[in-house]
C-alpha atoms as a PDB file:
ATOM      1  CA  ARG A   1       4.124  12.678 -13.455  1.00  0.00           C
ATOM      2  CA  MET A   2       0.429  12.722 -12.959  1.00  0.00           C
ATOM      3  CA  ILE A   3       0.070  14.523  -9.785  1.00  0.00           C
ATOM      4  CA  ASP A   4       2.778  17.211 -10.364  1.00  0.00           C
ATOM      5  CA  ARG A   5       3.894  16.591  -6.800  1.00  0.00           C
ATOM      6  CA  ASN A   6       7.065  15.241  -5.082  1.00  0.00           C
ATOM      7  CA  ASP A   7       5.864  14.724  -1.700  1.00  0.00           C
ATOM      8  CA  VAL A   8       3.368  12.397  -1.129  1.00  0.00           C
ATOM      9  CA  VAL A   9       1.983  10.321   1.810  1.00  0.00           C
ATOM     10  CA  VAL A  10       0.920   6.852   1.274  1.00  0.00           C
ATOM     11  CA  THR A  11      -0.501   4.527   3.905  1.00  0.00           C
ATOM     12  CA  THR A  12       0.242   0.744   3.801  1.00  0.00           C
ATOM     13  CA  PRO A  13      -1.380  -2.075   6.262  1.00  0.00           C
ATOM     14  CA  VAL A  14       1.061  -4.340   8.376  1.00  0.00           C
ATOM     15  CA  ARG A  15       0.074  -7.599   9.634  1.00  0.00           C
ATOM     16  CA  GLY A  16       1.148  -6.790  13.211  1.00  0.00           C
ATOM     17  CA  ARG A  17       2.290 -10.181  14.091  1.00  0.00           C
ATOM     18  CA  ASP A  18       5.934  -9.391  14.821  1.00  0.00           C
ATOM     19  CA  GLN A  19       5.799 -11.100  18.165  1.00  0.00           C
ATOM     20  CA  ALA A  20       6.338 -14.882  18.066  1.00  0.00           C
ATOM     21  CA  ASN A  21       3.486 -15.449  20.649  1.00  0.00           C
ATOM     22  CA  LEU A  22       1.027 -13.891  18.365  1.00  0.00           C
ATOM     23  CA  GLU A  23       1.572 -16.177  15.502  1.00  0.00           C
ATOM     24  CA  ASN A  24      -0.934 -18.740  16.484  1.00  0.00           C
ATOM     25  CA  VAL A  25      -3.673 -16.565  17.644  1.00  0.00           C
ATOM     26  CA  VAL A  26      -6.662 -16.199  15.374  1.00  0.00           C
ATOM     27  CA  GLY A  27      -7.708 -12.723  14.465  1.00  0.00           C
ATOM     28  CA  PRO A  28      -6.658  -9.187  12.951  1.00  0.00           C
ATOM     29  CA  PHE A  29      -3.920  -7.367  14.421  1.00  0.00           C
ATOM     30  CA  THR A  30      -3.523  -5.031  11.398  1.00  0.00           C
ATOM     31  CA  ASN A  31      -1.916  -1.664  11.893  1.00  0.00           C
ATOM     32  CA  THR A  32      -1.517   1.191   9.406  1.00  0.00           C
ATOM     33  CA  LEU A  33       1.880   2.884   8.604  1.00  0.00           C
ATOM     34  CA  PHE A  34       2.163   6.355   7.120  1.00  0.00           C
ATOM     35  CA  LEU A  35       5.160   6.738   4.546  1.00  0.00           C
ATOM     36  CA  ARG A  36       5.928  10.013   3.390  1.00  0.00           C
ATOM     37  CA  VAL A  37       7.996   9.831   0.284  1.00  0.00           C
ATOM     38  CA  GLN A  38       9.695  12.877  -1.342  1.00  0.00           C
ATOM     39  CA  TRP A  39      11.933  12.750  -4.489  1.00  0.00           C
ATOM     40  CA  ASP A  40      13.423  14.976  -6.971  1.00  0.00           C
ATOM     41  CA  PRO A  41      12.159  15.381 -10.514  1.00  0.00           C
ATOM     42  CA  ASN A  42      15.559  14.317 -11.510  1.00  0.00           C
ATOM     43  CA  ASP A  43      15.488  11.063  -9.597  1.00  0.00           C
ATOM     44  CA  SER A  44      15.174   8.002 -11.758  1.00  0.00           C
ATOM     45  CA  PHE A  45      12.664   5.499 -11.098  1.00  0.00           C
ATOM     46  CA  ARG A  46      15.375   3.309  -9.332  1.00  0.00           C
ATOM     47  CA  ASP A  47      16.295   5.957  -7.048  1.00  0.00           C
ATOM     48  CA  VAL A  48      12.470   6.317  -6.033  1.00  0.00           C
ATOM     49  CA  ILE A  49      12.313   2.570  -5.428  1.00  0.00           C
ATOM     50  CA  ARG A  50      15.552   2.878  -3.367  1.00  0.00           C
ATOM     51  CA  LYS A  51      13.975   5.644  -1.211  1.00  0.00           C
ATOM     52  CA  VAL A  52      10.489   3.997  -0.721  1.00  0.00           C
ATOM     53  CA  LYS A  53      12.277   0.785   0.262  1.00  0.00           C
ATOM     54  CA  ALA A  54      14.597   2.502   2.958  1.00  0.00           C
ATOM     55  CA  ILE A  55      11.396   4.477   4.158  1.00  0.00           C
ATOM     56  CA  SER A  56       9.230   1.343   4.340  1.00  0.00           C
ATOM     57  CA  LEU A  57      11.981  -0.467   6.275  1.00  0.00           C
ATOM     58  CA  GLU A  58      12.314   2.300   8.626  1.00  0.00           C
ATOM     59  CA  ALA A  59       8.651   2.453   9.071  1.00  0.00           C
ATOM     60  CA  MET A  60       8.376  -1.410   9.701  1.00  0.00           C
ATOM     61  CA  GLY A  61      10.439  -0.643  12.768  1.00  0.00           C
ATOM     62  CA  HIS A  62       7.746   1.450  14.238  1.00  0.00           C
ATOM     63  CA  GLN A  63       4.603  -1.034  13.140  1.00  0.00           C
ATOM     64  CA  ALA A  64       3.592  -1.537  16.771  1.00  0.00           C
ATOM     65  CA  CYS A  65       2.879   1.974  17.404  1.00  0.00           C
ATOM     66  CA  PRO A  66      -1.049   2.156  17.024  1.00  0.00           C
ATOM     67  CA  VAL A  67      -2.255   4.465  14.291  1.00  0.00           C
ATOM     68  CA  ASP A  68      -4.442   6.332  16.923  1.00  0.00           C
ATOM     69  CA  ASP A  69      -1.413   7.140  18.734  1.00  0.00           C
ATOM     70  CA  PHE A  70       0.126   8.553  15.817  1.00  0.00           C
ATOM     71  CA  LEU A  71      -3.032  10.548  14.967  1.00  0.00           C
ATOM     72  CA  ARG A  72      -3.464  12.040  18.095  1.00  0.00           C
ATOM     73  CA  ALA A  73       0.255  13.547  18.123  1.00  0.00           C
ATOM     74  CA  ILE A  74      -0.561  15.416  14.819  1.00  0.00           C
ATOM     75  CA  PRO A  75      -0.746  19.189  15.297  1.00  0.00           C
ATOM     76  CA  GLY A  76      -4.229  20.587  15.543  1.00  0.00           C
ATOM     77  CA  GLU A  77      -3.854  22.645  12.240  1.00  0.00           C
ATOM     78  CA  LEU A  78      -3.424  19.414  10.417  1.00  0.00           C
ATOM     79  CA  LYS A  79      -5.815  17.129  12.152  1.00  0.00           C
ATOM     80  CA  ASP A  80      -8.841  18.436   9.740  1.00  0.00           C
ATOM     81  CA  SER A  81      -6.745  17.896   6.869  1.00  0.00           C
ATOM     82  CA  SER A  82      -6.455  14.773   4.563  1.00  0.00           C
ATOM     83  CA  LEU A  83      -3.317  13.307   5.637  1.00  0.00           C
ATOM     84  CA  PHE A  84      -3.195  10.792   2.680  1.00  0.00           C
ATOM     85  CA  GLN A  85      -5.178   9.993  -0.281  1.00  0.00           C
ATOM     86  CA  LEU A  86      -3.786   6.574  -1.093  1.00  0.00           C
ATOM     87  CA  ASN A  87      -3.186   3.255   0.503  1.00  0.00           C
ATOM     88  CA  PHE A  88      -0.964   0.598  -1.026  1.00  0.00           C
ATOM     89  CA  SER A  89      -1.238  -2.917   0.118  1.00  0.00           C
ATOM     90  CA  TYR A  90       1.075  -5.589  -0.962  1.00  0.00           C
ATOM     91  CA  GLN A  91      -0.439  -9.120  -0.023  1.00  0.00           C
ATOM     92  CA  ASN A  92       1.986 -11.997  -0.438  1.00  0.00           C
ATOM     93  CA  THR A  93      -0.150 -14.932  -0.593  1.00  0.00           C
ATOM     94  CA  GLY A  94       2.056 -17.446  -2.028  1.00  0.00           C
ATOM     95  CA  ASP A  95       3.180 -18.863   1.541  1.00  0.00           C
ATOM     96  CA  ARG A  96      -0.520 -18.724   3.146  1.00  0.00           C
ATOM     97  CA  LEU A  97      -1.290 -22.083   4.854  1.00  0.00           C
ATOM     98  CA  THR A  98      -3.501 -24.449   2.899  1.00  0.00           C
ATOM     99  CA  HIS A  99      -4.149 -26.679   5.810  1.00  0.00           C
ATOM    100  CA  TRP A 100      -4.461 -26.154   9.586  1.00  0.00           C
ATOM    101  CA  GLY A 101      -4.146 -29.724  11.113  1.00  0.00           C
ATOM    102  CA  ASP A 102      -6.854 -31.840   9.403  1.00  0.00           C
ATOM    103  CA  LEU A 103      -8.872 -28.691   8.319  1.00  0.00           C
ATOM    104  CA  GLU A 104      -8.473 -27.413   4.703  1.00  0.00           C
ATOM    105  CA  VAL A 105      -8.045 -23.717   4.305  1.00  0.00           C
ATOM    106  CA  GLU A 106      -8.837 -21.774   1.337  1.00  0.00           C
ATOM    107  CA  GLN A 107      -9.323 -18.145   0.237  1.00  0.00           C
ATOM    108  CA  VAL A 108     -12.852 -16.842  -0.291  1.00  0.00           C
ATOM    109  CA  PRO A 109     -13.210 -14.018  -2.610  1.00  0.00           C
ATOM    110  CA  GLN A 110     -15.118 -10.935  -1.402  1.00  0.00           C
ATOM    111  CA  GLY A 111     -17.847  -9.587  -3.547  1.00  0.00           C
ATOM    112  CA  PHE A 112     -16.901  -6.201  -2.742  1.00  0.00           C
ATOM    113  CA  HIS A 113     -14.206  -4.070  -1.839  1.00  0.00           C
ATOM    114  CA  ALA A 114     -14.830  -0.720   0.345  1.00  0.00           C
ATOM    115  CA  THR A 115     -12.183   1.734   1.005  1.00  0.00           C
ATOM    116  CA  HIS A 116     -12.005   4.543   3.347  1.00  0.00           C
ATOM    117  CA  SER A 117      -9.028   6.238   1.585  1.00  0.00           C
ATOM    118  CA  GLU A 118      -9.619   7.859  -1.765  1.00  0.00           C
ATOM    119  CA  LEU A 119      -7.707   5.273  -3.462  1.00  0.00           C
ATOM    120  CA  ASN A 120      -6.748   1.801  -2.241  1.00  0.00           C
ATOM    121  CA  PHE A 121      -4.101   0.246  -4.575  1.00  0.00           C
ATOM    122  CA  TRP A 122      -3.590  -3.564  -3.927  1.00  0.00           C
ATOM    123  CA  VAL A 123      -1.133  -6.096  -5.384  1.00  0.00           C
ATOM    124  CA  ARG A 124      -1.337  -9.713  -4.580  1.00  0.00           C
ATOM    125  CA  ASP A 125       1.666 -11.762  -5.134  1.00  0.00           C
ATOM    126  CA  ALA A 126       0.814 -15.543  -5.363  1.00  0.00           C
ATOM    127  CA  GLY A 127       4.300 -16.577  -6.166  1.00  0.00           C
ATOM    128  CA  GLU A 128       4.416 -16.843 -10.127  1.00  0.00           C
ATOM    129  CA  ASN A 129       2.001 -14.366 -10.802  1.00  0.00           C
ATOM    130  CA  LEU A 130       1.179 -10.936  -9.659  1.00  0.00           C
ATOM    131  CA  SER A 131      -2.598  -9.456  -9.688  1.00  0.00           C
ATOM    132  CA  GLY A 132      -3.985  -5.987  -8.606  1.00  0.00           C
ATOM    133  CA  ALA A 133      -6.898  -3.667  -8.691  1.00  0.00           C
ATOM    134  CA  ILE A 134      -7.756  -0.346  -7.211  1.00  0.00           C
ATOM    135  CA  ASP A 135     -10.659   0.205  -5.023  1.00  0.00           C
ATOM    136  CA  TYR A 136     -11.676   3.896  -4.905  1.00  0.00           C
ATOM    137  CA  ARG A 137     -14.414   6.045  -3.129  1.00  0.00           C
ATOM    138  CA  THR A 138     -17.250   6.308  -5.734  1.00  0.00           C
ATOM    139  CA  ASP A 139     -18.172   9.796  -4.442  1.00  0.00           C
ATOM    140  CA  LEU A 140     -14.847  11.254  -5.663  1.00  0.00           C
ATOM    141  CA  TYR A 141     -13.885   9.028  -8.811  1.00  0.00           C
ATOM    142  CA  ASP A 142     -15.848   7.127 -11.481  1.00  0.00           C
ATOM    143  CA  ALA A 143     -14.995   4.087 -13.304  1.00  0.00           C
ATOM    144  CA  GLU A 144     -13.827   5.848 -16.389  1.00  0.00           C
ATOM    145  CA  ARG A 145     -11.295   7.838 -14.613  1.00  0.00           C
ATOM    146  CA  ILE A 146      -9.953   4.701 -12.572  1.00  0.00           C
ATOM    147  CA  LYS A 147      -9.618   2.881 -16.024  1.00  0.00           C
ATOM    148  CA  LYS A 148      -7.366   5.919 -17.268  1.00  0.00           C
ATOM    149  CA  LEU A 149      -5.374   5.667 -13.981  1.00  0.00           C
ATOM    150  CA  ILE A 150      -4.682   2.087 -14.386  1.00  0.00           C
ATOM    151  CA  GLY A 151      -3.413   2.589 -18.100  1.00  0.00           C
ATOM    152  CA  TRP A 152      -1.263   5.272 -16.927  1.00  0.00           C
ATOM    153  CA  LEU A 153       0.254   3.211 -14.196  1.00  0.00           C
ATOM    154  CA  LEU A 154       0.714   0.454 -16.762  1.00  0.00           C
ATOM    155  CA  ARG A 155       2.477   2.764 -18.828  1.00  0.00           C
ATOM    156  CA  LEU A 156       4.429   4.027 -16.000  1.00  0.00           C
ATOM    157  CA  LEU A 157       5.669   0.557 -14.878  1.00  0.00           C
ATOM    158  CA  THR A 158       6.605  -0.499 -18.461  1.00  0.00           C
ATOM    159  CA  ASP A 159       8.658   2.660 -19.132  1.00  0.00           C
ATOM    160  CA  ALA A 160      10.277   1.924 -15.607  1.00  0.00           C
ATOM    161  CA  VAL A 161      11.154  -1.482 -16.526  1.00  0.00           C
ATOM    162  CA  ALA A 162      12.251  -0.581 -19.815  1.00  0.00           C
ATOM    163  CA  SER A 163      14.645   2.309 -18.638  1.00  0.00           C
ATOM    164  CA  PRO A 164      14.904   2.361 -14.706  1.00  0.00           C
ATOM    165  CA  ASP A 165      17.644   4.588 -14.779  1.00  0.00           C
ATOM    166  CA  GLN A 166      15.864   7.644 -16.730  1.00  0.00           C
ATOM    167  CA  PRO A 167      14.312  10.667 -14.618  1.00  0.00           C
ATOM    168  CA  ILE A 168      10.678   9.936 -13.339  1.00  0.00           C
END
């Protein structure tokens, strides 16, 4: 509704720990997946969610492909264009370790969030609660515009939950 487009590319980070021998290794193995989502304006929210799920599951099968290899494979005329404007991160924190042997582990909140994409949407699932935020490039957006975007998203989600089979 907001962007008047039905073909978008969203990136999402993946943990990169799909091999059992990496589970106990300390350090980041994060990779980025590019998800191209296309829909028809007559599709319902439920239809779009099904498409996103199928695209996401397909992409997860290729999560070991380094994003640098992906970027090198892009044709020359596209290299200088913005391939995506939005990054979406779903963080399932409900199953995080709280102890590592005798060592107690806790999450330390960061004082700031930086983003390389135009917009970075994140949702944290802590079991019974969901929280989220939008990090954004301040050279492109101001706080007032992001507040409006959050209001629009909340309205979209409220409408989608109330009537998931209505066209988007």
